[in-house]
N, C-alpha and C. Protein backbone atom coordinates (compact mmCIF):
# COMPACT_ATOMS: atom_id res chain seq x y z
N MET A 1 227.98 -1.34 -2.76
CA MET A 1 227.88 0.08 -3.02
C MET A 1 228.69 0.82 -1.96
N ALA A 2 229.67 1.59 -2.40
CA ALA A 2 230.50 2.37 -1.48
C ALA A 2 229.83 3.71 -1.22
N LEU A 3 230.01 4.19 0.01
CA LEU A 3 229.41 5.47 0.38
C LEU A 3 230.48 6.50 0.64
N MET A 4 230.09 7.75 0.46
CA MET A 4 230.95 8.89 0.77
C MET A 4 230.09 10.02 1.28
N LYS A 5 230.72 11.02 1.87
CA LYS A 5 229.95 12.17 2.34
C LYS A 5 229.91 13.23 1.25
N CYS A 6 228.74 13.78 1.05
CA CYS A 6 228.59 14.86 0.09
C CYS A 6 229.34 16.07 0.64
N PRO A 7 230.17 16.71 -0.17
CA PRO A 7 230.93 17.85 0.32
C PRO A 7 230.05 19.06 0.64
N ASP A 8 228.83 19.08 0.09
CA ASP A 8 227.92 20.19 0.35
C ASP A 8 227.13 20.00 1.64
N CYS A 9 226.37 18.91 1.71
CA CYS A 9 225.47 18.72 2.85
C CYS A 9 226.03 17.75 3.89
N ARG A 10 227.13 17.07 3.57
CA ARG A 10 227.83 16.16 4.48
C ARG A 10 227.02 14.89 4.79
N ARG A 11 225.97 14.62 4.02
CA ARG A 11 225.22 13.38 4.20
C ARG A 11 225.85 12.29 3.34
N GLU A 12 225.61 11.04 3.72
CA GLU A 12 226.18 9.92 2.97
C GLU A 12 225.41 9.68 1.69
N ILE A 13 226.19 9.52 0.60
CA ILE A 13 225.61 9.22 -0.71
C ILE A 13 226.48 8.15 -1.38
N SER A 14 225.96 7.54 -2.40
CA SER A 14 226.70 6.53 -3.16
C SER A 14 227.82 7.21 -3.94
N THR A 15 228.95 6.53 -4.03
CA THR A 15 230.06 7.08 -4.81
C THR A 15 229.76 7.05 -6.31
N SER A 16 228.80 6.23 -6.69
CA SER A 16 228.44 6.14 -8.12
C SER A 16 227.32 7.10 -8.50
N ALA A 17 226.72 7.78 -7.54
CA ALA A 17 225.62 8.70 -7.84
C ALA A 17 226.14 9.92 -8.59
N GLU A 18 225.36 10.35 -9.61
CA GLU A 18 225.78 11.52 -10.39
C GLU A 18 225.50 12.82 -9.66
N GLU A 19 224.54 12.77 -8.75
CA GLU A 19 224.27 13.95 -7.91
C GLU A 19 223.72 13.50 -6.58
N CYS A 20 223.88 14.38 -5.58
CA CYS A 20 223.42 14.07 -4.23
C CYS A 20 221.89 14.10 -4.22
N LYS A 21 221.30 13.05 -3.66
CA LYS A 21 219.83 12.99 -3.61
C LYS A 21 219.27 13.94 -2.56
N TRP A 22 220.12 14.47 -1.69
CA TRP A 22 219.67 15.35 -0.61
C TRP A 22 219.74 16.82 -1.02
N CYS A 23 220.84 17.21 -1.66
CA CYS A 23 221.01 18.64 -1.96
C CYS A 23 221.18 18.93 -3.45
N GLY A 24 221.35 17.87 -4.27
CA GLY A 24 221.48 18.07 -5.71
C GLY A 24 222.89 18.40 -6.17
N CYS A 25 223.85 18.32 -5.30
CA CYS A 25 225.24 18.60 -5.64
C CYS A 25 225.68 17.61 -6.73
N SER A 26 226.26 18.14 -7.85
CA SER A 26 226.62 17.28 -8.98
C SER A 26 227.97 16.60 -8.78
N ASP A 27 228.23 15.62 -9.63
CA ASP A 27 229.49 14.87 -9.62
C ASP A 27 230.69 15.81 -9.72
N GLN A 28 230.63 16.75 -10.67
CA GLN A 28 231.77 17.66 -10.89
C GLN A 28 231.99 18.55 -9.68
N VAL A 29 230.91 19.04 -9.11
CA VAL A 29 231.04 19.88 -7.91
C VAL A 29 231.65 19.06 -6.77
N ARG A 30 231.14 17.81 -6.63
CA ARG A 30 231.70 16.94 -5.58
C ARG A 30 233.17 16.70 -5.82
N LEU A 31 233.54 16.44 -7.07
CA LEU A 31 234.93 16.19 -7.40
C LEU A 31 235.79 17.43 -7.11
N ASP A 32 235.30 18.60 -7.53
CA ASP A 32 236.04 19.84 -7.29
C ASP A 32 236.18 20.10 -5.79
N ARG A 33 235.11 19.91 -5.05
CA ARG A 33 235.16 20.14 -3.60
C ARG A 33 236.05 19.11 -2.92
N SER A 34 236.00 17.88 -3.39
CA SER A 34 236.87 16.84 -2.83
C SER A 34 238.33 17.21 -3.04
N ARG A 35 238.63 17.73 -4.23
CA ARG A 35 239.99 18.18 -4.50
C ARG A 35 240.38 19.32 -3.56
N GLU A 36 239.46 20.26 -3.38
CA GLU A 36 239.73 21.39 -2.47
C GLU A 36 239.99 20.88 -1.05
N ILE A 37 239.14 19.96 -0.60
CA ILE A 37 239.29 19.40 0.74
C ILE A 37 240.64 18.68 0.86
N PHE A 38 240.96 17.88 -0.17
CA PHE A 38 242.22 17.16 -0.15
C PHE A 38 243.39 18.13 -0.12
N ASN A 39 243.34 19.16 -0.97
CA ASN A 39 244.42 20.14 -1.00
C ASN A 39 244.55 20.90 0.32
N ASP A 40 243.42 21.22 0.92
CA ASP A 40 243.45 21.89 2.23
C ASP A 40 244.07 20.98 3.28
N GLN A 41 243.66 19.72 3.28
CA GLN A 41 244.22 18.77 4.25
C GLN A 41 245.71 18.56 4.01
N LEU A 42 246.10 18.47 2.74
CA LEU A 42 247.51 18.33 2.40
C LEU A 42 248.31 19.54 2.87
N GLN A 43 247.76 20.73 2.65
CA GLN A 43 248.44 21.95 3.08
C GLN A 43 248.57 22.01 4.60
N ARG A 44 247.50 21.65 5.32
CA ARG A 44 247.56 21.64 6.79
C ARG A 44 248.58 20.63 7.28
N THR A 45 248.57 19.44 6.67
CA THR A 45 249.53 18.40 7.07
C THR A 45 250.96 18.87 6.80
N THR A 46 251.18 19.45 5.65
CA THR A 46 252.51 19.97 5.30
C THR A 46 252.93 21.04 6.29
N ASN A 47 252.01 21.94 6.60
CA ASN A 47 252.33 23.01 7.56
C ASN A 47 252.64 22.43 8.94
N ASP A 48 251.85 21.44 9.35
CA ASP A 48 252.10 20.80 10.65
C ASP A 48 253.47 20.15 10.68
N LEU A 49 253.81 19.44 9.61
CA LEU A 49 255.13 18.79 9.55
C LEU A 49 256.25 19.82 9.55
N MET A 50 256.08 20.88 8.80
CA MET A 50 257.11 21.93 8.76
C MET A 50 257.27 22.57 10.15
N ASN A 51 256.15 22.81 10.82
CA ASN A 51 256.23 23.38 12.18
C ASN A 51 256.92 22.42 13.14
N GLN A 52 256.63 21.14 12.99
CA GLN A 52 257.26 20.14 13.85
C GLN A 52 258.77 20.10 13.58
N ILE A 53 259.16 20.14 12.32
CA ILE A 53 260.59 20.13 11.97
C ILE A 53 261.27 21.38 12.53
N LYS A 54 260.62 22.53 12.38
CA LYS A 54 261.19 23.78 12.91
C LYS A 54 261.34 23.70 14.43
N GLN A 55 260.34 23.14 15.11
CA GLN A 55 260.38 23.01 16.56
C GLN A 55 261.52 22.09 16.99
N GLU A 56 261.68 20.97 16.27
CA GLU A 56 262.76 20.04 16.60
C GLU A 56 264.12 20.69 16.36
N GLN A 57 264.24 21.45 15.28
CA GLN A 57 265.50 22.15 15.00
C GLN A 57 265.78 23.18 16.09
N LYS A 58 264.74 23.89 16.51
CA LYS A 58 264.89 24.89 17.56
C LYS A 58 265.36 24.23 18.87
N GLN A 59 264.75 23.08 19.21
CA GLN A 59 265.14 22.37 20.42
C GLN A 59 266.58 21.89 20.33
N LYS A 60 266.97 21.40 19.15
CA LYS A 60 268.34 20.93 18.96
C LYS A 60 269.33 22.08 19.14
N ILE A 61 269.01 23.22 18.57
CA ILE A 61 269.88 24.39 18.71
C ILE A 61 269.96 24.82 20.17
N GLU A 62 268.83 24.81 20.87
CA GLU A 62 268.83 25.17 22.29
C GLU A 62 269.70 24.21 23.10
N GLU A 63 269.59 22.90 22.81
CA GLU A 63 270.40 21.91 23.52
C GLU A 63 271.88 22.12 23.23
N GLU A 64 272.20 22.40 21.96
CA GLU A 64 273.60 22.66 21.60
C GLU A 64 274.11 23.90 22.32
N ASN A 65 273.28 24.93 22.39
CA ASN A 65 273.68 26.15 23.09
C ASN A 65 273.89 25.91 24.57
N LYS A 66 273.04 25.07 25.18
CA LYS A 66 273.21 24.73 26.59
C LYS A 66 274.52 23.98 26.80
N GLU A 67 274.81 23.03 25.90
CA GLU A 67 276.06 22.28 26.00
C GLU A 67 277.27 23.21 25.88
N LYS A 68 277.19 24.15 24.93
CA LYS A 68 278.28 25.12 24.76
C LYS A 68 278.45 25.96 26.02
N GLU A 69 277.34 26.38 26.61
CA GLU A 69 277.39 27.19 27.82
C GLU A 69 278.01 26.41 28.97
N ILE A 70 277.65 25.14 29.10
CA ILE A 70 278.22 24.30 30.16
C ILE A 70 279.72 24.14 29.95
N LYS A 71 280.13 23.90 28.70
CA LYS A 71 281.56 23.78 28.41
C LYS A 71 282.29 25.08 28.70
N LYS A 72 281.66 26.19 28.36
CA LYS A 72 282.25 27.50 28.60
C LYS A 72 282.42 27.73 30.10
N GLN A 73 281.39 27.40 30.88
CA GLN A 73 281.47 27.57 32.33
C GLN A 73 282.53 26.66 32.93
N LYS A 74 282.63 25.44 32.42
CA LYS A 74 283.64 24.50 32.91
C LYS A 74 285.04 25.04 32.61
N ALA A 75 285.23 25.56 31.40
CA ALA A 75 286.53 26.12 31.02
C ALA A 75 286.88 27.32 31.90
N GLN A 76 285.89 28.17 32.19
CA GLN A 76 286.13 29.33 33.06
C GLN A 76 286.52 28.87 34.46
N GLU A 77 285.83 27.85 34.96
CA GLU A 77 286.13 27.31 36.28
C GLU A 77 287.54 26.71 36.31
N GLU A 78 287.89 26.00 35.25
CA GLU A 78 289.23 25.42 35.17
C GLU A 78 290.29 26.52 35.16
N ARG A 79 290.06 27.58 34.38
CA ARG A 79 291.02 28.70 34.34
C ARG A 79 291.16 29.35 35.72
N LYS A 80 290.02 29.53 36.39
CA LYS A 80 290.02 30.16 37.71
C LYS A 80 290.82 29.31 38.71
N LYS A 81 290.54 28.01 38.74
CA LYS A 81 291.24 27.13 39.69
C LYS A 81 292.72 27.02 39.36
N ALA A 82 293.03 26.94 38.07
CA ALA A 82 294.43 26.87 37.65
C ALA A 82 295.17 28.14 38.07
N LYS A 83 294.52 29.27 37.91
CA LYS A 83 295.13 30.54 38.30
C LYS A 83 295.36 30.59 39.80
N GLU A 84 294.38 30.11 40.58
CA GLU A 84 294.53 30.08 42.04
C GLU A 84 295.72 29.21 42.45
N LEU A 85 295.94 28.11 41.71
CA LEU A 85 297.04 27.21 42.02
C LEU A 85 298.36 27.67 41.39
N GLY A 86 298.30 28.66 40.52
CA GLY A 86 299.49 29.17 39.87
C GLY A 86 300.05 28.23 38.82
N ILE A 87 299.16 27.49 38.16
CA ILE A 87 299.58 26.55 37.12
C ILE A 87 298.77 26.81 35.86
N SER A 88 299.20 26.17 34.77
CA SER A 88 298.46 26.33 33.51
C SER A 88 297.19 25.47 33.56
N VAL A 89 296.27 25.78 32.66
CA VAL A 89 295.02 25.02 32.57
C VAL A 89 295.33 23.57 32.20
N GLU A 90 296.30 23.36 31.31
CA GLU A 90 296.66 22.00 30.92
C GLU A 90 297.17 21.20 32.12
N GLU A 91 298.00 21.83 32.94
CA GLU A 91 298.50 21.16 34.15
C GLU A 91 297.35 20.86 35.10
N TYR A 92 296.43 21.80 35.24
CA TYR A 92 295.27 21.60 36.12
C TYR A 92 294.45 20.40 35.63
N ARG A 93 294.22 20.33 34.32
CA ARG A 93 293.44 19.21 33.75
C ARG A 93 294.15 17.88 34.00
N LYS A 94 295.48 17.87 33.85
CA LYS A 94 296.25 16.64 34.11
C LYS A 94 296.10 16.22 35.56
N ARG A 95 296.14 17.20 36.48
CA ARG A 95 295.97 16.89 37.91
C ARG A 95 294.60 16.29 38.18
N GLU A 96 293.57 16.90 37.59
CA GLU A 96 292.21 16.41 37.80
C GLU A 96 292.04 15.00 37.22
N GLN A 97 292.62 14.77 36.06
CA GLN A 97 292.56 13.43 35.46
C GLN A 97 293.31 12.44 36.33
N GLY A 98 294.44 12.87 36.87
CA GLY A 98 295.21 12.02 37.77
C GLY A 98 294.41 11.65 39.01
N LYS A 99 293.65 12.62 39.54
CA LYS A 99 292.80 12.34 40.71
C LYS A 99 291.73 11.30 40.35
N ALA A 100 291.15 11.45 39.18
CA ALA A 100 290.13 10.49 38.75
C ALA A 100 290.74 9.10 38.58
N ASN A 101 291.93 9.07 37.97
CA ASN A 101 292.61 7.79 37.79
C ASN A 101 292.97 7.17 39.13
N LEU A 102 293.42 8.00 40.07
CA LEU A 102 293.78 7.51 41.40
C LEU A 102 292.56 6.93 42.09
N GLY A 103 291.41 7.58 41.94
CA GLY A 103 290.18 7.07 42.53
C GLY A 103 289.85 5.69 42.00
N CYS A 104 290.02 5.49 40.69
CA CYS A 104 289.76 4.18 40.09
C CYS A 104 290.73 3.14 40.63
N VAL A 105 292.00 3.51 40.77
CA VAL A 105 293.02 2.59 41.29
C VAL A 105 292.68 2.17 42.71
N VAL A 106 292.25 3.14 43.53
CA VAL A 106 291.90 2.85 44.91
C VAL A 106 290.73 1.87 44.97
N ILE A 107 289.73 2.09 44.16
CA ILE A 107 288.56 1.20 44.14
C ILE A 107 288.97 -0.21 43.71
N ILE A 108 289.78 -0.30 42.68
CA ILE A 108 290.24 -1.62 42.21
C ILE A 108 291.07 -2.30 43.30
N ALA A 109 291.94 -1.54 43.95
CA ALA A 109 292.76 -2.11 45.03
C ALA A 109 291.88 -2.66 46.15
N CYS A 110 290.86 -1.92 46.53
CA CYS A 110 289.94 -2.38 47.57
C CYS A 110 289.26 -3.69 47.16
N ILE A 111 288.82 -3.76 45.93
CA ILE A 111 288.16 -4.97 45.45
C ILE A 111 289.13 -6.16 45.50
N VAL A 112 290.35 -5.93 45.06
CA VAL A 112 291.36 -7.00 45.07
C VAL A 112 291.64 -7.45 46.50
N LEU A 113 291.83 -6.48 47.41
CA LEU A 113 292.12 -6.84 48.81
C LEU A 113 290.96 -7.59 49.45
N ILE A 114 289.77 -7.13 49.18
CA ILE A 114 288.60 -7.82 49.74
C ILE A 114 288.52 -9.25 49.22
N SER A 115 288.77 -9.43 47.91
CA SER A 115 288.70 -10.79 47.35
C SER A 115 289.81 -11.68 47.91
N ILE A 116 291.00 -11.10 48.16
CA ILE A 116 292.11 -11.90 48.71
C ILE A 116 291.83 -12.30 50.15
N TYR A 117 291.35 -11.34 50.93
CA TYR A 117 291.17 -11.58 52.36
C TYR A 117 289.71 -11.85 52.74
N TRP A 118 288.91 -12.30 51.80
CA TRP A 118 287.49 -12.51 52.07
C TRP A 118 287.24 -13.49 53.21
N ASP A 119 288.00 -14.57 53.27
CA ASP A 119 287.79 -15.56 54.33
C ASP A 119 287.95 -14.91 55.70
N THR A 120 288.95 -14.06 55.86
CA THR A 120 289.19 -13.38 57.14
C THR A 120 288.13 -12.31 57.39
N ILE A 121 287.85 -11.52 56.36
CA ILE A 121 286.88 -10.42 56.49
C ILE A 121 285.49 -10.97 56.80
N SER A 122 285.13 -12.05 56.17
CA SER A 122 283.78 -12.58 56.35
C SER A 122 283.54 -13.10 57.77
N GLN A 123 284.61 -13.31 58.55
CA GLN A 123 284.47 -13.77 59.93
C GLN A 123 284.27 -12.63 60.92
N LEU A 124 284.48 -11.39 60.49
CA LEU A 124 284.28 -10.24 61.37
C LEU A 124 282.80 -10.15 61.73
N PRO A 125 282.50 -9.84 63.01
CA PRO A 125 281.09 -9.80 63.44
C PRO A 125 280.22 -8.83 62.63
N ILE A 126 280.75 -7.67 62.34
CA ILE A 126 279.93 -6.69 61.61
C ILE A 126 279.62 -7.18 60.20
N VAL A 127 280.60 -7.86 59.57
CA VAL A 127 280.39 -8.39 58.23
C VAL A 127 279.42 -9.56 58.28
N LYS A 128 279.55 -10.40 59.31
CA LYS A 128 278.65 -11.55 59.45
C LYS A 128 277.20 -11.07 59.58
N SER A 129 277.00 -10.00 60.34
CA SER A 129 275.63 -9.50 60.51
C SER A 129 275.06 -8.97 59.19
N LEU A 130 275.92 -8.45 58.34
CA LEU A 130 275.46 -7.94 57.04
C LEU A 130 275.18 -9.09 56.07
N ILE A 131 275.98 -10.14 56.16
CA ILE A 131 275.83 -11.28 55.25
C ILE A 131 274.60 -12.11 55.60
N ASP A 132 274.41 -12.32 56.89
CA ASP A 132 273.29 -13.17 57.35
C ASP A 132 272.00 -12.48 57.25
């Protein structure tokens, strides 16, 4: 025998009972109230999901706006620095990219030199103290 709660008195009754033994609520009333409860729950769930979707969309728009603002500020800074140097923004960007590339080249060169001269470098007292 399966049990359910009476929608009127909220006490447990048999699902096969034609009326609640506690309050007399009939099958049809229980069915109608169950439908109402289900529809209310469905509406609340739908509203919650819609609110969640709206919130996520709002957050996405805010993040996009922040990214746009950061790009805008970066572009303004680039224009300002390019103007100070008396060059175009494109030339300024090329210089900055060149600096970044040069930094990578320097790091790679250091790694290569260290690997080539490791036997000599590893004998230096300061390096020995770090290794040991």
